[in-house]
Amino acid sequence: MKIVITGASSGLGMETAKLFIKNGWTVTVCARRTDRLEELKSLSETVKTAYLDVNNPESADVLDSLLKSDGGTDIYFHASGIGCHNLETDLEKELNVLNTNCLGFSRCIITAFNYFRERGGGQIAAISSVAGTKGLGAAPSYSASKAMNNVYLQSLAQLSNMLRVNIAFTDIKPGFVKTAILDSNRDYPLLMTKEYAARKIYKAIIKKKRKAVIDWKYAVLVFFWKLIPDFIWERLRIDASQNKKI
């Protein structure tokens, strides 16, 4: 069994890749910072590394070649993404997040979809976030981009059924995980270790869950978030950290 993982140079991408390697999968790991992939390559002879920048238009061709190599791929896992607080509404920060999390995401996901469509089936898994449940004022572009990820995967899931192509989709929605994407100067509630979250993600992918909120505490939180009317939500003073007041 073979899996291709983008965004595997750190965080949840790297930790989840380790679990697939440990369980005997043939794993191709991709990232912009290829030097950080050497740790994964040292774990098994079956691990292959590749340079892939999701923001580069050429990455679609690169990914397509990786998916087709060595007899083809069973699962594509998209773990690439960035995020930031932006209470200052800095334009460059907003556009950087949207470029990676929306354009880069679409570029890779649709490439994988077209590959599996031609192949006749497969699985696409991607990390979105619980932040896509409701608009978060402290992180506008991040929250919006994750909502886009959710809807994009749902649209392709519907399309695969319309086309009668057996493509499984797994939308992974973690809460706060202790990775580089979080501001180290802030304190976050219900913070999970990346090792713990990766184990949950691995199981969700293997079981082909359609949606997986990581973990149960966030599943409860998301349930109640959805019940809050928009006119109330938009008046709440919410920030992700515990040491920042709005």
Protein backbone atom coordinates (compact mmCIF):
# COMPACT_ATOMS: atom_id res chain seq x y z
CA MET A 1 0.00 0.00 0.00
CA LYS A 2 1.30 3.44 -0.93
CA ILE A 3 0.52 6.91 0.41
CA VAL A 4 1.73 10.31 -0.75
CA ILE A 5 1.86 13.02 1.93
CA THR A 6 2.40 16.73 1.33
CA GLY A 7 3.41 19.00 4.20
CA ALA A 8 5.40 16.21 5.84
CA SER A 9 8.39 18.28 6.94
CA SER A 10 6.93 19.11 10.36
CA GLY A 11 3.93 18.95 12.66
CA LEU A 12 1.02 16.62 12.00
CA GLY A 13 2.21 15.73 8.51
CA MET A 14 5.52 14.41 9.80
CA GLU A 15 4.05 12.63 12.83
CA THR A 16 1.36 10.91 10.78
CA ALA A 17 3.94 9.91 8.16
CA LYS A 18 5.94 8.18 10.90
CA LEU A 19 2.92 6.02 11.76
CA PHE A 20 2.38 4.96 8.15
CA ILE A 21 6.08 4.10 7.87
CA LYS A 22 5.96 2.16 11.14
CA ASN A 23 3.02 0.14 9.86
CA GLY A 24 4.77 -0.95 6.69
CA TRP A 25 3.37 1.44 4.09
CA THR A 26 5.35 2.68 1.13
CA VAL A 27 5.44 6.39 1.85
CA THR A 28 6.34 9.33 -0.38
CA VAL A 29 6.76 12.51 1.65
CA CYS A 30 6.75 15.96 0.03
CA ALA A 31 7.59 19.40 1.32
CA ARG A 32 9.18 22.69 0.44
CA ARG A 33 11.88 22.16 3.10
CA THR A 34 13.26 18.83 1.90
CA ASP A 35 16.14 18.82 4.41
CA ARG A 36 13.58 18.18 7.14
CA LEU A 37 12.41 15.03 5.38
CA GLU A 38 15.70 13.22 6.00
CA GLU A 39 14.50 12.10 9.44
CA LEU A 40 11.63 10.24 7.78
CA LYS A 41 13.84 8.82 5.05
CA SER A 42 16.14 7.31 7.67
CA LEU A 43 13.25 5.28 9.14
CA SER A 44 12.79 2.94 6.18
CA GLU A 45 14.16 2.11 2.75
CA THR A 46 10.61 2.38 1.38
CA VAL A 47 10.42 6.11 2.13
CA LYS A 48 10.88 8.49 -0.79
CA THR A 49 11.22 12.25 -0.55
CA ALA A 50 10.34 14.98 -3.03
CA TYR A 51 10.36 18.76 -3.27
CA LEU A 52 6.87 20.21 -3.57
CA ASP A 53 5.76 23.79 -2.94
CA VAL A 54 1.95 23.90 -3.05
CA ASN A 55 2.09 27.59 -4.01
CA ASN A 56 4.02 26.83 -7.19
CA PRO A 57 1.75 26.16 -10.20
CA GLU A 58 4.19 23.44 -11.30
CA SER A 59 3.42 21.48 -8.13
CA ALA A 60 0.35 19.98 -9.83
CA ASP A 61 2.56 18.25 -12.39
CA VAL A 62 5.03 17.19 -9.71
CA LEU A 63 2.28 15.68 -7.59
CA ASP A 64 0.70 13.93 -10.56
CA SER A 65 4.03 12.24 -11.33
CA LEU A 66 4.50 11.18 -7.72
CA LEU A 67 1.00 9.69 -7.55
CA LYS A 68 1.57 7.69 -10.74
CA SER A 69 5.08 6.47 -9.91
CA ASP A 70 5.97 2.96 -8.73
CA GLY A 71 2.67 1.36 -9.65
CA GLY A 72 0.38 4.10 -8.38
CA THR A 73 -0.94 5.44 -5.08
CA ASP A 74 -3.74 4.31 -2.76
CA ILE A 75 -4.06 7.40 -0.54
CA TYR A 76 -3.22 11.07 -0.95
CA PHE A 77 -2.88 12.95 2.35
CA HIS A 78 -2.75 16.75 2.28
CA ALA A 79 -1.20 18.06 5.50
CA SER A 80 0.16 21.34 4.13
CA GLY A 81 -1.18 24.56 5.59
CA ILE A 82 -0.36 27.78 7.44
CA GLY A 83 -2.20 30.05 9.83
CA CYS A 84 -1.85 33.13 12.00
CA HIS A 85 -3.62 35.51 14.33
CA ASN A 86 -4.30 38.74 12.51
CA LEU A 87 -6.03 41.18 14.81
CA GLU A 88 -4.15 43.92 12.94
CA THR A 89 -5.77 42.74 9.66
CA ASP A 90 -2.45 42.86 7.85
CA LEU A 91 -3.18 42.33 4.15
CA GLU A 92 -0.02 40.36 3.38
CA LYS A 93 -0.73 37.88 6.18
CA GLU A 94 -4.27 37.37 4.93
CA LEU A 95 -3.19 36.75 1.35
CA ASN A 96 -0.36 34.40 2.36
CA VAL A 97 -2.77 32.20 4.29
CA LEU A 98 -5.36 32.20 1.51
CA ASN A 99 -2.76 31.44 -1.15
CA THR A 100 -1.50 28.35 0.69
CA ASN A 101 -4.70 27.10 2.30
CA CYS A 102 -7.04 27.75 -0.63
CA LEU A 103 -5.13 27.94 -3.91
CA GLY A 104 -2.39 25.50 -2.88
CA PHE A 105 -4.96 23.20 -1.34
CA SER A 106 -7.15 23.18 -4.46
CA ARG A 107 -4.15 22.69 -6.74
CA CYS A 108 -3.13 19.50 -4.95
CA ILE A 109 -6.55 18.10 -4.09
CA ILE A 110 -7.92 18.41 -7.61
CA THR A 111 -4.74 16.84 -9.00
CA ALA A 112 -5.25 13.88 -6.68
CA PHE A 113 -8.96 13.74 -7.57
CA ASN A 114 -8.21 13.60 -11.30
CA TYR A 115 -5.60 10.90 -10.71
CA PHE A 116 -8.00 8.70 -8.72
CA ARG A 117 -10.78 9.44 -11.18
CA GLU A 118 -8.65 8.08 -14.00
CA ARG A 119 -7.45 5.18 -11.85
CA GLY A 120 -10.98 4.22 -10.83
CA GLY A 121 -10.78 4.84 -7.09
CA GLY A 122 -8.68 5.76 -4.08
CA GLN A 123 -8.74 7.94 -1.00
CA ILE A 124 -8.11 11.64 -0.39
CA ALA A 125 -7.49 12.80 3.18
CA ALA A 126 -6.80 16.37 4.22
CA ILE A 127 -6.28 18.37 7.38
CA SER A 128 -8.73 21.24 7.74
CA SER A 129 -9.59 22.51 11.24
CA VAL A 130 -12.37 23.06 13.75
CA ALA A 131 -11.70 26.73 12.98
CA GLY A 132 -13.75 26.28 9.82
CA THR A 133 -16.92 25.75 11.87
CA LYS A 134 -17.56 29.44 12.53
CA GLY A 135 -15.81 32.64 11.49
CA LEU A 136 -13.13 33.55 14.04
CA GLY A 137 -12.41 37.28 14.21
CA ALA A 138 -8.87 36.76 15.50
CA ALA A 139 -7.93 34.74 12.40
CA PRO A 140 -10.17 35.72 9.48
CA SER A 141 -8.26 34.19 6.57
CA TYR A 142 -7.38 31.01 8.45
CA SER A 143 -10.95 30.40 9.57
CA ALA A 144 -12.36 31.16 6.13
CA SER A 145 -9.78 28.98 4.38
CA LYS A 146 -10.62 26.00 6.56
CA ALA A 147 -14.33 26.42 5.86
CA MET A 148 -13.41 26.45 2.17
CA ASN A 149 -11.46 23.19 2.66
CA ASN A 150 -14.54 21.56 4.20
CA VAL A 151 -16.86 22.61 1.39
CA TYR A 152 -14.34 21.77 -1.33
CA LEU A 153 -13.98 18.21 -0.07
CA GLN A 154 -17.75 17.88 0.25
CA SER A 155 -18.21 19.11 -3.31
CA LEU A 156 -15.73 16.58 -4.66
CA ALA A 157 -17.33 13.82 -2.59
CA GLN A 158 -20.62 14.61 -4.26
CA LEU A 159 -18.96 14.80 -7.66
CA SER A 160 -17.32 11.41 -7.22
CA ASN A 161 -20.76 9.93 -6.54
CA MET A 162 -22.19 11.70 -9.58
CA LEU A 163 -19.39 10.21 -11.67
CA ARG A 164 -19.73 6.84 -9.92
CA VAL A 165 -16.04 6.81 -9.07
CA ASN A 166 -15.09 5.11 -5.81
CA ILE A 167 -13.09 7.89 -4.14
CA ALA A 168 -13.22 8.06 -0.34
CA PHE A 169 -12.75 11.41 1.39
CA THR A 170 -11.51 12.01 4.92
CA ASP A 171 -11.83 15.55 6.28
CA ILE A 172 -9.67 15.81 9.40
CA LYS A 173 -10.55 18.66 11.76
CA PRO A 174 -8.07 19.03 14.63
CA GLY A 175 -8.40 21.42 17.50
CA PHE A 176 -5.31 23.10 18.94
CA VAL A 177 -2.20 20.96 18.52
CA LYS A 178 1.24 21.90 19.82
CA THR A 179 2.99 22.53 16.50
CA ALA A 180 4.87 25.40 14.88
CA ILE A 181 1.65 26.77 13.38
CA LEU A 182 0.66 28.08 16.84
CA ASP A 183 2.14 31.17 18.42
CA SER A 184 4.55 29.94 21.12
CA ASN A 185 3.93 33.11 23.15
CA ARG A 186 0.27 32.28 23.64
CA ASP A 187 -1.54 29.77 25.83
CA TYR A 188 -4.16 27.64 24.10
CA PRO A 189 -7.06 25.72 25.67
CA LEU A 190 -7.39 21.94 25.29
CA LEU A 191 -3.93 21.76 23.70
CA MET A 192 -2.99 18.34 22.31
CA THR A 193 0.45 16.93 21.57
CA LYS A 194 1.21 16.27 17.93
CA GLU A 195 1.92 12.61 18.70
CA TYR A 196 -1.53 12.12 20.25
CA ALA A 197 -3.29 13.94 17.41
CA ALA A 198 -1.33 12.00 14.78
CA ARG A 199 -2.50 8.68 16.23
CA LYS A 200 -6.11 9.84 15.94
CA ILE A 201 -5.51 11.05 12.39
CA TYR A 202 -3.89 7.78 11.35
CA LYS A 203 -6.85 5.78 12.63
CA ALA A 204 -9.33 8.08 10.89
CA ILE A 205 -7.56 7.65 7.55
CA ILE A 206 -7.22 3.88 7.87
CA LYS A 207 -10.90 3.57 8.79
CA LYS A 208 -11.84 5.89 5.89
CA LYS A 209 -13.92 8.13 8.12
CA ARG A 210 -15.67 10.83 6.14
CA LYS A 211 -15.12 13.45 8.87
CA ALA A 212 -12.99 13.26 11.98
CA VAL A 213 -12.85 15.95 14.66
CA ILE A 214 -9.66 15.54 16.70
CA ASP A 215 -10.42 14.83 19.53
CA TRP A 216 -13.70 14.13 21.37
CA LYS A 217 -13.46 17.31 23.47
CA TYR A 218 -13.41 19.38 20.31
CA ALA A 219 -16.25 17.32 18.85
CA VAL A 220 -18.39 18.43 21.80
CA LEU A 221 -17.20 22.03 21.43
CA VAL A 222 -17.98 22.10 17.70
CA PHE A 223 -21.45 20.67 18.36
CA PHE A 224 -22.31 23.60 20.63
CA TRP A 225 -20.63 26.15 18.36
CA LYS A 226 -23.00 25.15 15.58
CA LEU A 227 -25.99 25.82 17.84
CA ILE A 228 -25.04 29.45 18.46
CA PRO A 229 -27.04 31.81 16.19
CA ASP A 230 -24.94 34.06 13.98
CA PHE A 231 -26.28 37.27 15.51
CA ILE A 232 -24.98 36.11 18.89
CA TRP A 233 -21.72 34.63 17.58
CA GLU A 234 -20.78 37.86 15.83
CA ARG A 235 -21.01 39.74 19.13
CA LEU A 236 -18.75 37.36 21.06
CA ARG A 237 -15.22 38.48 21.91
CA ILE A 238 -13.33 35.31 21.01
CA ASP A 239 -9.60 34.83 20.81
CA ALA A 240 -7.89 31.46 20.64
CA SER A 241 -5.29 32.23 23.29
CA GLN A 242 -5.70 32.70 27.00
CA ASN A 243 -3.30 35.65 27.37
CA LYS A 244 -4.77 37.95 24.75
CA LYS A 245 -7.78 40.15 25.38
CA ILE A 246 -9.72 41.79 22.60
